Protein backbone atom coordinates (compact mmCIF):
# COMPACT_ATOMS: atom_id res chain seq x y z
CA MET A 1 53.81 136.71 97.01
CA THR A 2 52.80 133.49 95.21
CA LYS A 3 54.98 134.52 92.29
CA GLN A 4 58.02 134.68 94.60
CA ILE A 5 57.24 131.24 96.03
CA VAL A 6 56.95 129.78 92.54
CA TYR A 7 60.29 131.35 91.52
CA ARG A 8 62.02 130.08 94.66
CA LEU A 9 60.66 126.57 94.13
CA GLY A 10 61.83 126.70 90.52
CA ASP A 11 65.31 127.81 91.60
CA LEU A 12 65.42 124.99 94.16
CA MET A 13 64.49 122.41 91.50
CA ILE A 14 67.17 123.73 89.16
CA ARG A 15 69.80 123.56 91.92
CA ARG A 16 68.80 120.01 92.84
CA ALA A 17 69.00 118.90 89.22
CA PHE A 18 72.39 120.56 88.89
CA LEU A 19 73.70 118.89 92.06
CA ARG A 20 72.31 115.55 90.90
CA ARG A 21 74.22 115.92 87.62
CA ILE A 22 77.42 116.85 89.46
CA ALA A 23 77.09 113.81 91.75
CA ALA A 24 76.45 111.49 88.80
CA GLY A 25 79.45 112.93 86.94
CA ALA A 26 81.70 112.52 89.96
CA ALA A 27 80.57 108.91 90.44
CA GLY A 28 81.25 108.21 86.77
CA ALA A 29 84.71 109.78 86.98
CA LEU A 30 85.53 107.69 90.05
CA GLY A 31 84.41 104.57 88.23
CA ILE A 32 86.64 105.36 85.28
CA LEU A 33 89.62 106.07 87.55
CA HIS A 34 89.03 102.80 89.38
CA VAL A 35 89.07 100.85 86.11
CA LEU A 36 92.19 102.64 84.85
CA ALA A 37 94.09 102.15 88.12
CA GLY A 38 93.91 98.36 87.90
CA PRO A 39 93.77 95.97 90.82
CA ALA A 40 94.94 97.24 94.20
CA LEU A 41 97.61 95.17 95.88
CA ALA A 42 97.26 94.33 99.54
CA LEU A 43 99.77 95.43 102.14
CA TYR A 44 100.84 93.07 104.90
CA GLN A 45 101.76 94.29 108.37
CA CYS A 46 104.99 92.82 109.71
CA ARG A 47 105.87 94.32 113.09
CA CYS A 48 105.88 98.07 112.26
CA CYS A 49 106.55 97.51 108.53
CA TRP A 50 103.87 97.52 105.84
CA LEU A 51 105.03 95.19 103.07
CA TYR A 52 103.81 94.06 99.64
CA GLN A 53 104.41 90.35 100.35
CA PRO A 54 103.54 88.29 103.46
CA CYS A 55 105.93 88.77 106.36
CA ARG A 56 109.14 86.78 106.67
CA LEU A 57 111.74 87.16 109.40
CA THR A 58 114.54 85.68 107.27
CA PRO A 59 116.20 87.33 104.26
CA CYS A 60 115.13 86.55 100.71
CA THR A 61 117.37 85.31 97.93
CA GLY A 62 117.37 86.11 94.24
CA CYS A 63 116.89 89.86 94.68
CA ALA A 64 117.90 92.03 91.73
CA CYS A 65 117.66 94.98 94.13
CA THR A 66 116.00 95.88 97.44
CA TRP A 67 114.31 98.81 99.13
CA THR A 68 115.13 99.09 102.83
CA TRP A 69 113.82 101.43 105.54
CA SER A 70 113.49 101.42 109.33
CA CYS A 71 110.61 101.87 111.75
CA VAL A 72 110.01 101.67 115.51
CA ASP A 73 107.19 99.52 116.90
CA ALA A 74 104.97 100.17 119.94
CA ASN A 75 107.52 98.43 122.21
CA ASN A 76 110.25 100.82 121.03
CA VAL A 77 112.00 98.09 119.02
CA VAL A 78 113.70 99.21 115.79
CA TRP A 79 112.96 97.05 112.74
CA ARG A 80 114.55 97.19 109.31
CA CYS A 81 112.00 96.53 106.55
CA HIS A 82 113.00 95.07 103.17
CA GLU A 83 111.28 94.65 99.81
CA CYS A 84 113.08 92.30 97.41
CA TYR A 85 112.63 93.00 93.68
CA GLY A 86 113.13 90.15 91.23
CA SER A 87 113.61 92.48 88.29
CA THR A 88 115.06 95.91 87.68
CA ALA A 89 112.52 96.45 84.87
CA GLY A 90 110.64 98.98 87.00
CA GLY A 91 113.83 100.60 88.26
CA CYS A 92 113.45 98.76 91.58
CA ALA A 93 110.04 100.26 92.02
CA GLY A 94 106.55 99.00 91.40
CA GLU A 95 104.88 96.51 93.68
CA GLN A 96 104.33 94.06 90.80
CA TYR A 97 108.10 93.31 90.82
CA VAL A 98 108.32 92.50 94.57
CA ILE A 99 109.03 88.79 95.00
CA CYS A 100 109.62 88.72 98.75
CA SER A 101 109.42 90.97 101.83
CA TRP A 102 111.02 90.61 105.24
CA ALA A 103 111.71 92.44 108.48
CA GLU A 104 114.66 92.16 110.82
CA ARG A 105 115.03 93.39 114.38
CA THR A 106 117.94 95.78 114.72
CA GLY A 107 117.69 96.81 118.37
CA LEU A 108 115.94 99.11 120.77
CA GLY A 109 114.92 102.65 119.90
CA PRO A 110 116.55 105.74 121.44
CA GLN A 111 113.89 106.14 124.15
CA ALA A 112 114.66 102.68 125.58
CA ALA A 113 118.39 103.49 125.66
CA ILE A 114 117.74 106.75 127.56
CA GLY A 115 115.20 105.26 129.98
């Protein structure tokens, strides 16, 4: 009986040490990934758009290219969201090339038109 208790306690200690090593390894891997990923860029909310630059309601100038998409806000208003890229070096992708962001109201969503 005491032999079984000793074996079970030994197994428990081995499992805890193993889990401790796994947790330490995972924390180390996360740290490495965080360093390799570089600084995170903030997103700015502009109506229903999430943009890389602070919100403007007027168009930007000097764009080499733009990304544009639409969204509908809580009041059922349709907004067109724009990201202006100053360089095509990243193929019009990559938040580091965004020089300006803006949103424009395009009208009411389909539910407002029906109702």
